Protein backbone atom coordinates (compact mmCIF):
# COMPACT_ATOMS: atom_id res chain seq x y z
CA UNK A 1 125.63 81.12 107.77
CA UNK A 2 126.99 81.18 104.24
CA UNK A 3 124.26 81.46 101.25
CA UNK A 4 124.73 79.35 98.07
CA UNK A 5 125.87 80.79 95.02
CA UNK A 6 122.23 79.65 93.54
CA UNK A 7 120.39 81.91 96.04
CA UNK A 8 122.37 84.79 95.01
CA UNK A 9 122.01 84.15 91.52
CA UNK A 10 118.05 83.93 92.21
CA UNK A 11 118.21 87.10 94.04
CA UNK A 12 120.16 88.95 91.23
CA UNK A 13 117.69 87.41 88.44
CA UNK A 14 114.88 90.34 90.03
CA UNK A 15 117.27 92.84 87.96
CA UNK A 16 117.97 90.64 84.99
CA UNK A 17 120.17 87.62 84.36
CA UNK A 18 121.68 84.88 86.57
CA UNK A 19 122.22 81.31 86.36
CA UNK A 20 120.46 78.37 88.25
CA UNK A 21 120.95 74.68 87.83
CA UNK A 22 122.97 75.79 84.41
CA UNK A 23 120.09 77.72 82.98
CA UNK A 24 119.83 81.21 82.67
CA UNK A 25 117.04 82.95 84.58
CA UNK A 26 114.98 85.39 82.41
CA UNK A 27 115.00 88.87 83.32
CA UNK A 28 112.76 89.54 86.19
CA UNK A 29 112.77 85.91 86.89
CA UNK A 30 109.76 83.34 86.43
CA UNK A 31 107.22 86.05 86.88
CA UNK A 32 108.93 88.46 84.72
CA UNK A 33 108.73 85.48 81.83
CA UNK A 34 105.23 84.95 82.81
CA UNK A 35 104.28 88.51 82.48
CA UNK A 36 105.84 88.93 79.06
CA UNK A 37 104.23 85.66 77.65
CA UNK A 38 100.73 87.15 78.96
CA UNK A 39 101.06 90.99 78.41
CA UNK A 40 103.29 90.96 74.87
CA UNK A 41 104.49 93.98 73.87
CA UNK A 42 101.22 96.18 73.97
CA UNK A 43 101.93 99.37 76.00
CA UNK A 44 98.37 100.41 77.91
CA UNK A 45 99.59 103.62 79.06
CA UNK A 46 97.78 105.48 76.21
CA UNK A 47 94.49 105.44 77.38
CA UNK A 48 95.25 106.87 80.53
CA UNK A 49 97.73 109.58 79.06
CA UNK A 50 94.67 110.41 76.99
CA UNK A 51 92.26 110.56 80.00
CA UNK A 52 94.60 112.71 82.12
CA UNK A 53 95.05 114.75 78.99
CA UNK A 54 91.51 115.50 78.49
CA UNK A 55 90.51 116.02 82.34
CA UNK A 56 93.20 118.49 82.43
CA UNK A 57 92.25 120.45 79.34
CA UNK A 58 88.93 120.29 80.36
CA UNK A 59 89.84 122.00 83.82
CA UNK A 60 91.08 125.34 81.61
CA UNK A 61 87.90 125.13 79.42
CA UNK A 62 86.17 128.35 79.42
CA UNK A 63 82.78 126.40 80.11
CA UNK A 64 84.46 124.71 83.13
CA UNK A 65 85.92 127.91 84.33
CA UNK A 66 82.55 129.68 84.37
CA UNK A 67 81.05 126.94 86.06
CA UNK A 68 83.51 127.13 88.74
CA UNK A 69 83.19 130.71 88.86
CA UNK A 70 79.11 130.18 89.26
CA UNK A 71 79.52 127.57 91.94
CA UNK A 72 82.11 130.03 93.93
CA UNK A 73 79.87 132.71 93.68
CA UNK A 74 77.02 130.10 95.07
CA UNK A 75 79.52 129.37 97.94
CA UNK A 76 80.11 132.68 98.68
CA UNK A 77 76.40 133.44 98.98
CA UNK A 78 76.47 130.48 101.56
CA UNK A 79 79.48 132.31 103.63
CA UNK A 80 82.24 130.03 102.31
CA UNK A 81 85.01 131.54 100.10
CA UNK A 82 86.43 128.62 97.92
CA UNK A 83 87.38 129.32 94.26
CA UNK A 84 87.50 125.62 93.26
CA UNK A 85 85.60 122.49 94.50
CA UNK A 86 89.30 120.94 95.63
CA UNK A 87 89.96 123.94 97.41
CA UNK A 88 87.33 123.25 99.69
CA UNK A 89 88.04 119.62 100.06
CA UNK A 90 91.78 120.09 100.64
CA UNK A 91 91.33 122.81 103.49
CA UNK A 92 93.67 121.91 106.22
CA UNK A 93 90.78 122.64 108.68
CA UNK A 94 88.91 119.69 107.52
CA UNK A 95 91.90 117.34 108.20
CA UNK A 96 90.69 115.76 111.49
CA UNK A 97 89.63 112.03 112.10
CA UNK A 98 85.67 112.96 112.26
CA UNK A 99 83.80 115.57 110.41
CA UNK A 100 83.03 118.74 112.66
CA UNK A 101 79.50 120.39 112.43
CA UNK A 102 81.17 123.22 110.46
CA UNK A 103 82.69 120.94 107.84
CA UNK A 104 79.42 119.07 107.39
CA UNK A 105 77.74 122.57 106.62
CA UNK A 106 80.49 123.20 104.17
CA UNK A 107 79.92 120.05 102.27
CA UNK A 108 76.30 120.62 102.20
CA UNK A 109 76.62 123.93 100.64
CA UNK A 110 79.31 122.51 98.46
CA UNK A 111 77.11 119.90 97.29
CA UNK A 112 74.07 122.13 96.83
CA UNK A 113 76.05 124.83 94.92
CA UNK A 114 77.47 121.90 92.45
CA UNK A 115 73.71 120.88 91.96
CA UNK A 116 72.36 124.18 91.29
CA UNK A 117 75.22 125.37 88.82
CA UNK A 118 75.47 121.99 87.29
CA UNK A 119 79.00 121.94 87.61
CA UNK A 120 79.43 118.23 88.11
CA UNK A 121 77.35 117.86 84.63
CA UNK A 122 79.19 120.68 82.88
CA UNK A 123 82.63 119.26 83.85
CA UNK A 124 81.91 115.61 82.62
CA UNK A 125 80.22 116.97 79.31
CA UNK A 126 83.52 118.96 78.40
CA UNK A 127 85.61 116.22 79.64
CA UNK A 128 83.94 113.53 77.40
CA UNK A 129 84.30 116.08 74.45
CA UNK A 130 87.90 116.07 74.57
CA UNK A 131 88.14 112.35 75.03
CA UNK A 132 86.05 111.81 71.98
CA UNK A 133 88.33 114.05 69.93
CA UNK A 134 91.10 112.11 71.41
CA UNK A 135 89.57 108.84 70.35
CA UNK A 136 88.95 110.09 67.01
CA UNK A 137 92.58 111.27 66.90
CA UNK A 138 94.29 107.90 68.08
CA UNK A 139 91.49 105.36 67.00
CA UNK A 140 94.25 103.29 65.47
CA UNK A 141 96.31 103.19 68.40
CA UNK A 142 93.39 102.34 70.66
CA UNK A 143 92.29 99.42 68.65
CA UNK A 144 95.62 98.13 68.71
CA UNK A 145 95.57 98.10 72.42
CA UNK A 146 91.96 96.79 72.37
CA UNK A 147 93.43 94.02 70.25
CA UNK A 148 96.72 93.60 72.36
CA UNK A 149 94.33 93.14 75.34
CA UNK A 150 92.47 90.47 73.63
CA UNK A 151 95.38 88.74 73.04
CA UNK A 152 96.54 88.90 76.36
CA UNK A 153 93.26 87.39 77.60
CA UNK A 154 93.51 84.37 75.00
CA UNK A 155 96.82 83.79 75.88
CA UNK A 156 96.20 83.57 80.06
CA UNK A 157 93.15 81.52 79.21
CA UNK A 158 95.31 79.06 76.94
CA UNK A 159 97.96 79.02 79.84
CA UNK A 160 95.30 78.29 82.50
CA UNK A 161 93.69 75.66 80.40
CA UNK A 162 96.96 73.53 80.18
CA UNK A 163 97.47 73.76 83.87
């Protein structure tokens, strides 16, 4: 069965261009056009980038490194030797379909050590400090993103109201 030229034009439009019934199909097709109409040109990647940067910086911060070391010593006191919580989490011996008794004991020790060393509180406080600094440094850009999101919501509401 031979497919029509219109079929190939519409399929080709997913990557941009094409013609259907004499009209040029927008880049990305109708979905691409609708997405551009609703979203505008606002780049939303900055908040995620700043969040990742603060989380990464906090991980290397001396206060978090010290808290990790305290937790590691606590775990060693229970007979488990993991330098970071993720090391325990990612231990290949805990990759089965269900948790073994040994895995549960490690998890309990991990939670207890996190509580007694306040690891989570320290990590969140330090990350929060880095985030607040990033917000202060990038306030104008973040406010522009906030305004862009408000425009998106208003545009989407207007489009829906006209249906």
